[in-house]
Amino acid sequence: MSTRELAKSLIDQVPENKLLYIIAYLQGAALPDDVETPNAKTLAAIEEVENMIETGKGEHFEGSTAALFAQLAAEG
């Protein structure tokens, strides 16, 4: 019996109320190992946020998501 066949057999033995835990684990395990490297624009944005956190400077928005999108739309 292959490892995959054994796993499928064991899943059939798991009670229905515990399958959600198994599914969550399997979804994580099914992710590809080759996670993409962030591009230069993303790396710059991450660096900017880290700098804002370290220095305590920068704009902090407090409000709803709708209000944030309204503000962004108004800024064009």
PDB file of N, CA and C in Angstrom:
ATOM      1  N   MET A   1       0.853  -1.181   0.000  1.00  0.00           N
ATOM      2  CA  MET A   1       0.000   0.000   0.000  1.00  0.00           C
ATOM      3  C   MET A   1       0.895   1.239   0.000  1.00  0.00           C
ATOM      4  N   SER A   2       0.637   2.142  -0.930  1.00  0.00           N
ATOM      5  CA  SER A   2       1.430   3.363  -1.008  1.00  0.00           C
ATOM      6  C   SER A   2       1.068   4.313   0.135  1.00  0.00           C
ATOM      7  N   THR A   3       1.895   5.294   0.336  1.00  0.00           N
ATOM      8  CA  THR A   3       1.635   6.301   1.371  1.00  0.00           C
ATOM      9  C   THR A   3       0.325   7.034   1.087  1.00  0.00           C
ATOM     10  N   ARG A   4       0.081   7.341  -0.175  1.00  0.00           N
ATOM     11  CA  ARG A   4      -1.152   8.036  -0.557  1.00  0.00           C
ATOM     12  C   ARG A   4      -2.378   7.172  -0.277  1.00  0.00           C
ATOM     13  N   GLU A   5      -2.268   5.898  -0.603  1.00  0.00           N
ATOM     14  CA  GLU A   5      -3.390   4.985  -0.339  1.00  0.00           C
ATOM     15  C   GLU A   5      -3.647   4.847   1.159  1.00  0.00           C
ATOM     16  N   LEU A   6      -2.574   4.799   1.947  1.00  0.00           N
ATOM     17  CA  LEU A   6      -2.717   4.723   3.396  1.00  0.00           C
ATOM     18  C   LEU A   6      -3.404   5.978   3.934  1.00  0.00           C
ATOM     19  N   ALA A   7      -3.002   7.142   3.433  1.00  0.00           N
ATOM     20  CA  ALA A   7      -3.613   8.397   3.875  1.00  0.00           C
ATOM     21  C   ALA A   7      -5.107   8.409   3.551  1.00  0.00           C
ATOM     22  N   LYS A   8      -5.451   7.985   2.347  1.00  0.00           N
ATOM     23  CA  LYS A   8      -6.866   7.957   1.961  1.00  0.00           C
ATOM     24  C   LYS A   8      -7.650   6.989   2.830  1.00  0.00           C
ATOM     25  N   SER A   9      -7.051   5.862   3.159  1.00  0.00           N
ATOM     26  CA  SER A   9      -7.703   4.882   4.017  1.00  0.00           C
ATOM     27  C   SER A   9      -7.932   5.441   5.414  1.00  0.00           C
ATOM     28  N   LEU A  10      -6.934   6.136   5.931  1.00  0.00           N
ATOM     29  CA  LEU A  10      -7.069   6.725   7.272  1.00  0.00           C
ATOM     30  C   LEU A  10      -8.117   7.827   7.300  1.00  0.00           C
ATOM     31  N   ILE A  11      -8.202   8.617   6.237  1.00  0.00           N
ATOM     32  CA  ILE A  11      -9.208   9.680   6.168  1.00  0.00           C
ATOM     33  C   ILE A  11     -10.605   9.081   6.256  1.00  0.00           C
ATOM     34  N   ASP A  12     -10.801   7.942   5.638  1.00  0.00           N
ATOM     35  CA  ASP A  12     -12.109   7.281   5.706  1.00  0.00           C
ATOM     36  C   ASP A  12     -12.467   6.858   7.123  1.00  0.00           C
ATOM     37  N   GLN A  13     -11.479   6.732   7.995  1.00  0.00           N
ATOM     38  CA  GLN A  13     -11.715   6.318   9.370  1.00  0.00           C
ATOM     39  C   GLN A  13     -11.915   7.486  10.335  1.00  0.00           C
ATOM     40  N   VAL A  14     -11.626   8.696   9.878  1.00  0.00           N
ATOM     41  CA  VAL A  14     -11.740   9.875  10.737  1.00  0.00           C
ATOM     42  C   VAL A  14     -13.213  10.254  10.873  1.00  0.00           C
ATOM     43  N   PRO A  15     -13.674  10.498  12.104  1.00  0.00           N
ATOM     44  CA  PRO A  15     -15.071  10.916  12.290  1.00  0.00           C
ATOM     45  C   PRO A  15     -15.346  12.252  11.584  1.00  0.00           C
ATOM     46  N   GLU A  16     -16.554  12.421  11.118  1.00  0.00           N
ATOM     47  CA  GLU A  16     -16.956  13.614  10.356  1.00  0.00           C
ATOM     48  C   GLU A  16     -16.628  14.908  11.104  1.00  0.00           C
ATOM     49  N   ASN A  17     -16.834  14.927  12.414  1.00  0.00           N
ATOM     50  CA  ASN A  17     -16.616  16.162  13.182  1.00  0.00           C
ATOM     51  C   ASN A  17     -15.144  16.536  13.296  1.00  0.00           C
ATOM     52  N   LYS A  18     -14.235  15.653  12.951  1.00  0.00           N
ATOM     53  CA  LYS A  18     -12.801  15.958  12.997  1.00  0.00           C
ATOM     54  C   LYS A  18     -12.205  16.224  11.620  1.00  0.00           C
ATOM     55  N   LEU A  19     -12.989  16.023  10.588  1.00  0.00           N
ATOM     56  CA  LEU A  19     -12.466  16.200   9.229  1.00  0.00           C
ATOM     57  C   LEU A  19     -12.057  17.632   8.923  1.00  0.00           C
ATOM     58  N   LEU A  20     -12.696  18.620   9.541  1.00  0.00           N
ATOM     59  CA  LEU A  20     -12.313  20.020   9.294  1.00  0.00           C
ATOM     60  C   LEU A  20     -10.850  20.264   9.653  1.00  0.00           C
ATOM     61  N   TYR A  21     -10.384  19.628  10.737  1.00  0.00           N
ATOM     62  CA  TYR A  21      -8.981  19.788  11.133  1.00  0.00           C
ATOM     63  C   TYR A  21      -8.056  19.159  10.099  1.00  0.00           C
ATOM     64  N   ILE A  22      -8.450  18.018   9.602  1.00  0.00           N
ATOM     65  CA  ILE A  22      -7.647  17.319   8.597  1.00  0.00           C
ATOM     66  C   ILE A  22      -7.608  18.128   7.302  1.00  0.00           C
ATOM     67  N   ILE A  23      -8.753  18.666   6.905  1.00  0.00           N
ATOM     68  CA  ILE A  23      -8.831  19.457   5.673  1.00  0.00           C
ATOM     69  C   ILE A  23      -7.929  20.678   5.765  1.00  0.00           C
ATOM     70  N   ALA A  24      -7.968  21.372   6.908  1.00  0.00           N
ATOM     71  CA  ALA A  24      -7.125  22.565   7.075  1.00  0.00           C
ATOM     72  C   ALA A  24      -5.646  22.194   6.952  1.00  0.00           C
ATOM     73  N   TYR A  25      -5.261  21.094   7.558  1.00  0.00           N
ATOM     74  CA  TYR A  25      -3.879  20.645   7.479  1.00  0.00           C
ATOM     75  C   TYR A  25      -3.501  20.283   6.046  1.00  0.00           C
ATOM     76  N   LEU A  26      -4.368  19.556   5.373  1.00  0.00           N
ATOM     77  CA  LEU A  26      -4.087  19.150   4.000  1.00  0.00           C
ATOM     78  C   LEU A  26      -3.986  20.349   3.057  1.00  0.00           C
ATOM     79  N   GLN A  27      -4.830  21.356   3.282  1.00  0.00           N
ATOM     80  CA  GLN A  27      -4.751  22.550   2.438  1.00  0.00           C
ATOM     81  C   GLN A  27      -3.394  23.224   2.592  1.00  0.00           C
ATOM     82  N   GLY A  28      -2.894  23.282   3.808  1.00  0.00           N
ATOM     83  CA  GLY A  28      -1.567  23.864   4.025  1.00  0.00           C
ATOM     84  C   GLY A  28      -0.476  23.028   3.394  1.00  0.00           C
ATOM     85  N   ALA A  29      -0.586  21.718   3.516  1.00  0.00           N
ATOM     86  CA  ALA A  29       0.413  20.819   2.953  1.00  0.00           C
ATOM     87  C   ALA A  29       0.387  20.817   1.428  1.00  0.00           C
ATOM     88  N   ALA A  30      -0.755  21.148   0.838  1.00  0.00           N
ATOM     89  CA  ALA A  30      -0.900  21.116  -0.615  1.00  0.00           C
ATOM     90  C   ALA A  30      -0.330  22.373  -1.295  1.00  0.00           C
ATOM     91  N   LEU A  31       0.044  23.375  -0.515  1.00  0.00           N
ATOM     92  CA  LEU A  31       0.605  24.587  -1.114  1.00  0.00           C
ATOM     93  C   LEU A  31       1.943  24.271  -1.771  1.00  0.00           C
ATOM     94  N   PRO A  32       2.239  24.915  -2.878  1.00  0.00           N
ATOM     95  CA  PRO A  32       3.509  24.633  -3.548  1.00  0.00           C
ATOM     96  C   PRO A  32       4.699  25.087  -2.701  1.00  0.00           C
ATOM     97  N   ASP A  33       5.800  24.384  -2.832  1.00  0.00           N
ATOM     98  CA  ASP A  33       7.015  24.734  -2.096  1.00  0.00           C
ATOM     99  C   ASP A  33       7.718  25.948  -2.690  1.00  0.00           C
ATOM    100  N   ASP A  34       7.493  26.197  -3.956  1.00  0.00           N
ATOM    101  CA  ASP A  34       8.178  27.291  -4.642  1.00  0.00           C
ATOM    102  C   ASP A  34       7.357  28.582  -4.556  1.00  0.00           C
ATOM    103  N   VAL A  35       7.339  29.164  -3.385  1.00  0.00           N
ATOM    104  CA  VAL A  35       6.612  30.414  -3.172  1.00  0.00           C
ATOM    105  C   VAL A  35       7.339  31.521  -3.935  1.00  0.00           C
ATOM    106  N   GLU A  36       6.572  32.351  -4.601  1.00  0.00           N
ATOM    107  CA  GLU A  36       7.171  33.406  -5.413  1.00  0.00           C
ATOM    108  C   GLU A  36       7.906  34.427  -4.552  1.00  0.00           C
ATOM    109  N   THR A  37       9.010  34.918  -5.069  1.00  0.00           N
ATOM    110  CA  THR A  37       9.757  35.982  -4.420  1.00  0.00           C
ATOM    111  C   THR A  37       9.090  37.302  -4.762  1.00  0.00           C
ATOM    112  N   PRO A  38       8.883  38.167  -3.767  1.00  0.00           N
ATOM    113  CA  PRO A  38       8.253  39.461  -4.057  1.00  0.00           C
ATOM    114  C   PRO A  38       9.075  40.261  -5.066  1.00  0.00           C
ATOM    115  N   ASN A  39       8.365  41.016  -5.916  1.00  0.00           N
ATOM    116  CA  ASN A  39       9.070  41.845  -6.890  1.00  0.00           C
ATOM    117  C   ASN A  39       9.609  43.107  -6.212  1.00  0.00           C
ATOM    118  N   ALA A  40      10.330  43.920  -6.952  1.00  0.00           N
ATOM    119  CA  ALA A  40      10.992  45.101  -6.394  1.00  0.00           C
ATOM    120  C   ALA A  40       9.981  46.084  -5.791  1.00  0.00           C
ATOM    121  N   LYS A  41       8.827  46.254  -6.439  1.00  0.00           N
ATOM    122  CA  LYS A  41       7.823  47.186  -5.937  1.00  0.00           C
ATOM    123  C   LYS A  41       7.271  46.709  -4.589  1.00  0.00           C
ATOM    124  N   THR A  42       7.024  45.420  -4.475  1.00  0.00           N
ATOM    125  CA  THR A  42       6.516  44.857  -3.221  1.00  0.00           C
ATOM    126  C   THR A  42       7.566  44.964  -2.134  1.00  0.00           C
ATOM    127  N   LEU A  43       8.820  44.658  -2.457  1.00  0.00           N
ATOM    128  CA  LEU A  43       9.899  44.768  -1.477  1.00  0.00           C
ATOM    129  C   LEU A  43      10.053  46.201  -0.991  1.00  0.00           C
ATOM    130  N   ALA A  44       9.907  47.170  -1.899  1.00  0.00           N
ATOM    131  CA  ALA A  44       9.995  48.579  -1.511  1.00  0.00           C
ATOM    132  C   ALA A  44       8.847  48.955  -0.581  1.00  0.00           C
ATOM    133  N   ALA A  45       7.657  48.447  -0.854  1.00  0.00           N
ATOM    134  CA  ALA A  45       6.502  48.730  -0.002  1.00  0.00           C
ATOM    135  C   ALA A  45       6.685  48.125   1.385  1.00  0.00           C
ATOM    136  N   ILE A  46       7.207  46.911   1.440  1.00  0.00           N
ATOM    137  CA  ILE A  46       7.474  46.272   2.731  1.00  0.00           C
ATOM    138  C   ILE A  46       8.493  47.076   3.521  1.00  0.00           C
ATOM    139  N   GLU A  47       9.544  47.515   2.857  1.00  0.00           N
ATOM    140  CA  GLU A  47      10.579  48.325   3.509  1.00  0.00           C
ATOM    141  C   GLU A  47       9.998  49.638   4.022  1.00  0.00           C
ATOM    142  N   GLU A  48       9.127  50.256   3.235  1.00  0.00           N
ATOM    143  CA  GLU A  48       8.491  51.506   3.641  1.00  0.00           C
ATOM    144  C   GLU A  48       7.659  51.312   4.908  1.00  0.00           C
ATOM    145  N   VAL A  49       6.882  50.239   4.966  1.00  0.00           N
ATOM    146  CA  VAL A  49       6.058  49.965   6.140  1.00  0.00           C
ATOM    147  C   VAL A  49       6.929  49.688   7.356  1.00  0.00           C
ATOM    148  N   GLU A  50       7.982  48.886   7.169  1.00  0.00           N
ATOM    149  CA  GLU A  50       8.885  48.594   8.287  1.00  0.00           C
ATOM    150  C   GLU A  50       9.510  49.879   8.818  1.00  0.00           C
ATOM    151  N   ASN A  51       9.872  50.790   7.922  1.00  0.00           N
ATOM    152  CA  ASN A  51      10.437  52.076   8.314  1.00  0.00           C
ATOM    153  C   ASN A  51       9.403  52.908   9.083  1.00  0.00           C
ATOM    154  N   MET A  52       8.157  52.902   8.627  1.00  0.00           N
ATOM    155  CA  MET A  52       7.097  53.643   9.311  1.00  0.00           C
ATOM    156  C   MET A  52       6.886  53.095  10.725  1.00  0.00           C
ATOM    157  N   ILE A  53       6.952  51.791  10.870  1.00  0.00           N
ATOM    158  CA  ILE A  53       6.784  51.168  12.184  1.00  0.00           C
ATOM    159  C   ILE A  53       7.942  51.537  13.101  1.00  0.00           C
ATOM    160  N   GLU A  54       9.160  51.475  12.579  1.00  0.00           N
ATOM    161  CA  GLU A  54      10.346  51.776  13.379  1.00  0.00           C
ATOM    162  C   GLU A  54      10.386  53.228  13.828  1.00  0.00           C
ATOM    163  N   THR A  55      10.008  54.148  12.938  1.00  0.00           N
ATOM    164  CA  THR A  55      10.120  55.572  13.247  1.00  0.00           C
ATOM    165  C   THR A  55       8.836  56.154  13.835  1.00  0.00           C
ATOM    166  N   GLY A  56       7.744  55.421  13.722  1.00  0.00           N
ATOM    167  CA  GLY A  56       6.469  55.946  14.223  1.00  0.00           C
ATOM    168  C   GLY A  56       5.896  57.027  13.328  1.00  0.00           C
ATOM    169  N   LYS A  57       6.421  57.146  12.129  1.00  0.00           N
ATOM    170  CA  LYS A  57       5.941  58.163  11.188  1.00  0.00           C
ATOM    171  C   LYS A  57       5.115  57.501  10.103  1.00  0.00           C
ATOM    172  N   GLY A  58       4.321  58.295   9.455  1.00  0.00           N
ATOM    173  CA  GLY A  58       3.505  57.772   8.370  1.00  0.00           C
ATOM    174  C   GLY A  58       2.040  57.994   8.660  1.00  0.00           C
ATOM    175  N   GLU A  59       1.238  57.804   7.659  1.00  0.00           N
ATOM    176  CA  GLU A  59      -0.204  58.022   7.791  1.00  0.00           C
ATOM    177  C   GLU A  59      -0.858  56.750   8.311  1.00  0.00           C
ATOM    178  N   HIS A  60      -1.685  56.914   9.325  1.00  0.00           N
ATOM    179  CA  HIS A  60      -2.423  55.790   9.896  1.00  0.00           C
ATOM    180  C   HIS A  60      -3.897  56.058   9.696  1.00  0.00           C
ATOM    181  N   PHE A  61      -4.575  55.158   9.032  1.00  0.00           N
ATOM    182  CA  PHE A  61      -5.993  55.343   8.747  1.00  0.00           C
ATOM    183  C   PHE A  61      -6.826  54.617   9.783  1.00  0.00           C
ATOM    184  N   GLU A  62      -7.777  55.329  10.354  1.00  0.00           N
ATOM    185  CA  GLU A  62      -8.733  54.728  11.271  1.00  0.00           C
ATOM    186  C   GLU A  62     -10.122  54.973  10.714  1.00  0.00           C
ATOM    187  N   GLY A  63     -10.781  53.935  10.330  1.00  0.00           N
ATOM    188  CA  GLY A  63     -12.117  54.055   9.761  1.00  0.00           C
ATOM    189  C   GLY A  63     -12.498  52.768   9.057  1.00  0.00           C
ATOM    190  N   SER A  64     -13.621  52.802   8.412  1.00  0.00           N
ATOM    191  CA  SER A  64     -14.123  51.609   7.729  1.00  0.00           C
ATOM    192  C   SER A  64     -13.398  51.416   6.399  1.00  0.00           C
ATOM    193  N   THR A  65     -13.522  50.237   5.873  1.00  0.00           N
ATOM    194  CA  THR A  65     -12.953  49.950   4.563  1.00  0.00           C
ATOM    195  C   THR A  65     -13.599  50.821   3.499  1.00  0.00           C
ATOM    196  N   ALA A  66     -14.906  51.017   3.615  1.00  0.00           N
ATOM    197  CA  ALA A  66     -15.621  51.863   2.649  1.00  0.00           C
ATOM    198  C   ALA A  66     -15.071  53.285   2.678  1.00  0.00           C
ATOM    199  N   ALA A  67     -14.808  53.795   3.869  1.00  0.00           N
ATOM    200  CA  ALA A  67     -14.265  55.156   3.985  1.00  0.00           C
ATOM    201  C   ALA A  67     -12.861  55.224   3.394  1.00  0.00           C
ATOM    202  N   LEU A  68     -12.062  54.175   3.603  1.00  0.00           N
ATOM    203  CA  LEU A  68     -10.714  54.147   3.030  1.00  0.00           C
ATOM    204  C   LEU A  68     -10.774  54.168   1.507  1.00  0.00           C
ATOM    205  N   PHE A  69     -11.635  53.330   0.926  1.00  0.00           N
ATOM    206  CA  PHE A  69     -11.747  53.308  -0.534  1.00  0.00           C
ATOM    207  C   PHE A  69     -12.301  54.620  -1.081  1.00  0.00           C
ATOM    208  N   ALA A  70     -13.181  55.258  -0.353  1.00  0.00           N
ATOM    209  CA  ALA A  70     -13.704  56.568  -0.762  1.00  0.00           C
ATOM    210  C   ALA A  70     -12.586  57.590  -0.770  1.00  0.00           C
ATOM    211  N   GLN A  71     -11.742  57.559   0.263  1.00  0.00           N
ATOM    212  CA  GLN A  71     -10.604  58.483   0.331  1.00  0.00           C
ATOM    213  C   GLN A  71      -9.640  58.231  -0.822  1.00  0.00           C
ATOM    214  N   LEU A  72      -9.335  56.972  -1.075  1.00  0.00           N
ATOM    215  CA  LEU A  72      -8.431  56.642  -2.172  1.00  0.00           C
ATOM    216  C   LEU A  72      -8.975  57.065  -3.515  1.00  0.00           C
ATOM    217  N   ALA A  73     -10.278  56.867  -3.717  1.00  0.00           N
ATOM    218  CA  ALA A  73     -10.916  57.260  -4.982  1.00  0.00           C
ATOM    219  C   ALA A  73     -10.868  58.781  -5.158  1.00  0.00           C
ATOM    220  N   ALA A  74     -11.049  59.507  -4.071  1.00  0.00           N
ATOM    221  CA  ALA A  74     -11.030  60.968  -4.144  1.00  0.00           C
ATOM    222  C   ALA A  74      -9.640  61.494  -4.475  1.00  0.00           C
ATOM    223  N   GLU A  75      -8.606  60.759  -4.022  1.00  0.00           N
ATOM    224  CA  GLU A  75      -7.223  61.174  -4.276  1.00  0.00           C
ATOM    225  C   GLU A  75      -6.827  60.900  -5.718  1.00  0.00           C
ATOM    226  N   GLY A  76      -7.559  59.995  -6.364  1.00  0.00           N
ATOM    227  CA  GLY A  76      -7.331  59.711  -7.781  1.00  0.00           C
ATOM    228  C   GLY A  76      -6.137  58.915  -8.014  1.00  0.00           C
TER     229      GLY A  76
END
